[in-house]
């Protein structure tokens, strides 16, 4: 396994119009990360200006751009990627990984706000290839669960790949550490764009099995059975 990178934790934030919580996301996690690589993906709001303002006195922040338009998560994702590979989330995420410089990386989002237990991950880096964390949803909706968001970066053993509905992390790490306390608040569903929308778990629409633990994302819910998918669609029709 590569030892070229110094022990530490790099965050990569993929941002598209995250002005509502990007400042809180970065400031709340800044003390935990050794670097924060913010990658703007066709943002049209004030995200860039807010990050550039933070960079004036937060030297661990780096700002980059990814100009390809990514396919939306959900039904039709893999078909869109096959038609135009530049729309691949996996390609985008793997490029983001290459921009980081420390031994471990964290898939952090612009709508995640760290809370104090997140600091525990620092002590786990030296002895673990992967660390799973969980968070709170302020509306009590299960938009998050334990996921291996922190992992040792080694392109020979870890990479993102495209699955039926979104990107997944493929890895060869057989075990992982887990922070038992919630580590962040996930603000996704209290953003303006979700005020009049109903969240539906994208896994409800899965048509192909997700790779098993040890070769895919830790903590992702397993895709539902055919009966579960049908039941879910019936529930949405009668609402």
Protein backbone atom coordinates (compact mmCIF):
# COMPACT_ATOMS: atom_id res chain seq x y z
CA UNK A 1 0.00 0.00 0.00
CA UNK A 2 1.27 3.47 -0.87
CA UNK A 3 2.98 5.40 1.95
CA UNK A 4 3.85 8.47 -0.10
CA UNK A 5 1.18 10.63 1.46
CA UNK A 6 1.64 12.00 5.01
CA UNK A 7 -0.75 10.80 7.69
CA UNK A 8 -3.67 13.16 7.83
CA UNK A 9 -7.19 13.84 6.63
CA UNK A 10 -8.21 15.63 3.45
CA UNK A 11 -11.82 16.62 2.82
CA UNK A 12 -13.19 16.87 -0.68
CA UNK A 13 -16.37 18.91 -1.03
CA UNK A 14 -18.21 18.70 -4.33
CA UNK A 15 -20.37 21.79 -4.51
CA UNK A 16 -23.14 22.95 -6.79
CA UNK A 17 -25.07 25.93 -5.45
CA UNK A 18 -24.34 25.34 -1.76
CA UNK A 19 -24.45 28.97 -0.59
CA UNK A 20 -26.95 28.26 2.19
CA UNK A 21 -24.67 26.11 4.36
CA UNK A 22 -21.20 26.08 2.81
CA UNK A 23 -19.74 28.49 5.38
CA UNK A 24 -21.14 26.51 8.31
CA UNK A 25 -20.01 23.25 6.68
CA UNK A 26 -16.41 24.41 6.32
CA UNK A 27 -16.06 26.30 9.61
CA UNK A 28 -17.58 23.49 11.69
CA UNK A 29 -15.19 20.89 10.25
CA UNK A 30 -12.10 23.04 9.71
CA UNK A 31 -10.37 21.96 12.93
CA UNK A 32 -10.71 18.27 12.00
CA UNK A 33 -9.33 18.36 8.46
CA UNK A 34 -5.72 18.96 7.40
CA UNK A 35 -6.96 20.34 4.10
CA UNK A 36 -10.34 21.07 2.52
CA UNK A 37 -10.53 20.77 -1.25
CA UNK A 38 -13.66 22.54 -2.47
CA UNK A 39 -14.63 21.64 -6.03
CA UNK A 40 -17.27 23.77 -7.71
CA UNK A 41 -19.42 22.02 -10.30
CA UNK A 42 -21.20 24.66 -12.37
CA UNK A 43 -22.37 26.68 -9.38
CA UNK A 44 -24.40 29.76 -10.30
CA UNK A 45 -25.02 31.15 -6.81
CA UNK A 46 -22.64 32.78 -4.31
CA UNK A 47 -20.78 29.62 -3.29
CA UNK A 48 -17.52 30.73 -4.95
CA UNK A 49 -17.57 34.17 -3.35
CA UNK A 50 -18.26 32.72 0.09
CA UNK A 51 -15.44 30.17 -0.18
CA UNK A 52 -12.99 32.75 -1.52
CA UNK A 53 -13.81 35.00 1.42
CA UNK A 54 -13.08 32.14 3.85
CA UNK A 55 -9.78 31.46 2.09
CA UNK A 56 -8.41 34.87 3.10
CA UNK A 57 -7.79 33.64 6.65
CA UNK A 58 -8.30 29.86 6.42
CA UNK A 59 -5.20 28.59 4.61
CA UNK A 60 -6.23 24.91 4.60
CA UNK A 61 -8.94 25.59 1.99
CA UNK A 62 -8.23 25.04 -1.71
CA UNK A 63 -10.72 25.90 -4.46
CA UNK A 64 -11.00 24.06 -7.79
CA UNK A 65 -13.59 23.54 -10.52
CA UNK A 66 -15.09 20.61 -12.44
CA UNK A 67 -16.94 21.88 -15.50
CA UNK A 68 -18.70 18.75 -16.77
CA UNK A 69 -22.42 18.51 -16.05
CA UNK A 70 -23.07 15.37 -13.99
CA UNK A 71 -26.09 13.12 -14.46
CA UNK A 72 -28.69 13.42 -11.68
CA UNK A 73 -28.91 10.65 -9.09
CA UNK A 74 -31.85 8.29 -9.48
CA UNK A 75 -33.63 6.42 -12.28
CA UNK A 76 -31.87 6.83 -15.61
CA UNK A 77 -28.50 7.68 -14.07
CA UNK A 78 -26.46 4.79 -15.48
CA UNK A 79 -28.10 5.13 -18.90
CA UNK A 80 -27.15 8.82 -19.03
CA UNK A 81 -23.54 8.00 -18.10
CA UNK A 82 -23.30 5.30 -20.74
CA UNK A 83 -24.50 7.76 -23.35
CA UNK A 84 -22.08 10.45 -22.20
CA UNK A 85 -19.24 9.32 -19.87
CA UNK A 86 -18.38 12.93 -19.00
CA UNK A 87 -21.57 12.98 -16.90
CA UNK A 88 -20.22 10.28 -14.56
CA UNK A 89 -20.22 11.06 -10.85
CA UNK A 90 -17.59 8.36 -10.35
CA UNK A 91 -15.25 10.06 -12.81
CA UNK A 92 -15.83 13.36 -11.02
CA UNK A 93 -15.24 11.92 -7.55
CA UNK A 94 -12.10 10.03 -8.59
CA UNK A 95 -10.69 13.26 -9.99
CA UNK A 96 -11.47 14.97 -6.68
CA UNK A 97 -9.57 12.24 -4.83
CA UNK A 98 -6.52 12.87 -6.99
CA UNK A 99 -6.46 16.51 -5.88
CA UNK A 100 -6.08 15.62 -2.20
CA UNK A 101 -2.68 15.18 -0.54
CA UNK A 102 -3.09 13.34 2.80
CA UNK A 103 -3.26 9.63 3.61
CA UNK A 104 -7.00 9.59 4.34
CA UNK A 105 -9.81 11.37 2.56
CA UNK A 106 -13.31 12.30 3.62
CA UNK A 107 -16.31 12.68 1.35
CA UNK A 108 -17.75 15.79 2.97
CA UNK A 109 -20.76 17.72 1.66
CA UNK A 110 -21.59 21.41 1.55
CA UNK A 111 -24.79 20.77 3.53
CA UNK A 112 -23.14 18.79 6.35
CA UNK A 113 -22.40 20.62 9.61
CA UNK A 114 -19.91 18.92 11.93
CA UNK A 115 -20.63 18.56 15.64
CA UNK A 116 -18.04 17.84 18.38
CA UNK A 117 -17.98 13.99 18.20
CA UNK A 118 -16.61 14.30 14.66
CA UNK A 119 -13.23 15.15 16.21
CA UNK A 120 -12.91 11.50 17.29
CA UNK A 121 -12.02 10.44 13.76
CA UNK A 122 -8.55 11.97 14.10
CA UNK A 123 -7.48 9.32 16.61
CA UNK A 124 -8.63 6.50 14.32
CA UNK A 125 -6.63 7.37 11.21
CA UNK A 126 -3.29 5.78 12.11
CA UNK A 127 -4.75 2.31 12.71
CA UNK A 128 -7.71 2.14 10.33
CA UNK A 129 -8.12 2.17 6.57
CA UNK A 130 -11.76 3.20 6.78
CA UNK A 131 -13.94 5.04 9.29
CA UNK A 132 -17.74 5.03 9.18
CA UNK A 133 -19.72 7.96 10.55
CA UNK A 134 -23.40 8.78 10.89
CA UNK A 135 -25.34 12.02 11.23
CA UNK A 136 -28.63 13.62 12.20
CA UNK A 137 -31.37 14.77 9.85
CA UNK A 138 -33.11 17.80 11.42
CA UNK A 139 -36.49 16.62 10.10
CA UNK A 140 -36.04 13.07 11.37
CA UNK A 141 -36.07 11.67 7.82
CA UNK A 142 -33.57 8.84 7.16
CA UNK A 143 -31.45 10.67 4.58
CA UNK A 144 -28.24 9.46 6.28
CA UNK A 145 -26.91 6.35 8.00
CA UNK A 146 -23.52 4.85 8.79
CA UNK A 147 -21.34 5.25 5.74
CA UNK A 148 -17.62 4.80 5.13
CA UNK A 149 -17.05 8.44 4.26
CA UNK A 150 -13.45 8.40 5.52
CA UNK A 151 -10.95 6.04 3.93
CA UNK A 152 -7.27 5.62 3.14
CA UNK A 153 -6.67 6.79 -0.40
CA UNK A 154 -4.83 4.28 -2.52
CA UNK A 155 -5.97 4.09 -6.15
CA UNK A 156 -4.91 0.44 -6.31
CA UNK A 157 -7.44 -0.42 -3.59
CA UNK A 158 -10.12 2.29 -3.65
CA UNK A 159 -12.06 4.00 -6.41
CA UNK A 160 -15.52 5.25 -7.21
CA UNK A 161 -17.56 3.47 -9.86
CA UNK A 162 -20.96 4.07 -11.43
CA UNK A 163 -23.85 1.92 -10.27
CA UNK A 164 -27.50 1.83 -11.32
CA UNK A 165 -28.59 5.03 -9.55
CA UNK A 166 -25.44 6.85 -8.41
CA UNK A 167 -21.74 6.45 -7.71
CA UNK A 168 -20.44 3.88 -5.21
CA UNK A 169 -17.08 3.45 -3.52
CA UNK A 170 -15.33 0.21 -4.44
CA UNK A 171 -12.66 -0.85 -1.96
CA UNK A 172 -10.68 -3.83 -0.71
CA UNK A 173 -10.76 -2.97 2.98
CA UNK A 174 -12.28 -5.82 4.95
CA UNK A 175 -12.78 -4.00 8.26
CA UNK A 176 -13.40 -0.48 9.45
CA UNK A 177 -13.73 1.65 12.56
CA UNK A 178 -16.96 3.32 13.51
CA UNK A 179 -17.69 6.45 15.55
CA UNK A 180 -20.71 5.53 17.65
CA UNK A 181 -21.96 9.06 18.26
CA UNK A 182 -23.53 11.15 15.52
CA UNK A 183 -20.89 13.32 13.87
CA UNK A 184 -22.81 15.86 11.81
CA UNK A 185 -26.17 17.41 10.98
CA UNK A 186 -27.34 16.87 7.41
CA UNK A 187 -29.13 20.04 6.24
CA UNK A 188 -30.15 18.76 2.81
CA UNK A 189 -33.92 18.77 3.29
CA UNK A 190 -34.06 22.19 4.98
CA UNK A 191 -32.51 23.95 1.99
CA UNK A 192 -34.73 26.24 -0.09
CA UNK A 193 -34.86 23.81 -3.02
CA UNK A 194 -36.54 21.16 -0.83
CA UNK A 195 -39.22 23.32 0.82
CA UNK A 196 -42.00 22.05 -1.48
CA UNK A 197 -40.46 18.73 -2.51
CA UNK A 198 -40.84 15.29 -0.97
CA UNK A 199 -37.68 13.26 -0.49
CA UNK A 200 -37.76 9.70 -1.80
CA UNK A 201 -34.91 7.28 -1.17
CA UNK A 202 -33.30 6.73 -4.59
CA UNK A 203 -32.72 3.07 -3.69
CA UNK A 204 -36.48 2.57 -4.08
CA UNK A 205 -35.86 2.60 -7.83
CA UNK A 206 -32.92 0.20 -7.96
CA UNK A 207 -33.00 -2.37 -10.75
CA UNK A 208 -29.56 -3.91 -10.13
CA UNK A 209 -27.98 -5.20 -6.90
CA UNK A 210 -25.43 -3.01 -5.16
CA UNK A 211 -21.96 -4.59 -4.77
CA UNK A 212 -21.55 -6.34 -1.40
CA UNK A 213 -19.74 -4.94 1.63
CA UNK A 214 -16.01 -5.08 1.13
CA UNK A 215 -16.27 -4.07 -2.50
CA UNK A 216 -18.74 -1.20 -2.28
CA UNK A 217 -19.96 1.60 -0.04
CA UNK A 218 -20.11 0.81 3.67
CA UNK A 219 -23.39 1.74 5.26
CA UNK A 220 -25.42 2.24 2.09
CA UNK A 221 -28.82 0.66 2.41
CA UNK A 222 -29.29 -2.46 0.34
CA UNK A 223 -31.54 -1.97 -2.67
CA UNK A 224 -35.09 -3.13 -1.97
CA UNK A 225 -36.61 -6.28 -3.31
CA UNK A 226 -39.07 -6.13 -6.21
CA UNK A 227 -41.99 -6.35 -3.76
CA UNK A 228 -40.57 -3.49 -1.68
CA UNK A 229 -40.14 -1.34 -4.79
CA UNK A 230 -43.72 -2.00 -5.89
CA UNK A 231 -45.05 -1.25 -2.40
CA UNK A 232 -43.10 2.00 -2.30
CA UNK A 233 -44.51 3.13 -5.63
CA UNK A 234 -48.06 2.26 -4.53
CA UNK A 235 -47.61 4.32 -1.35
CA UNK A 236 -46.50 7.33 -3.41
CA UNK A 237 -49.47 6.96 -5.80
CA UNK A 238 -52.07 6.99 -3.02
CA UNK A 239 -50.63 10.00 -1.18
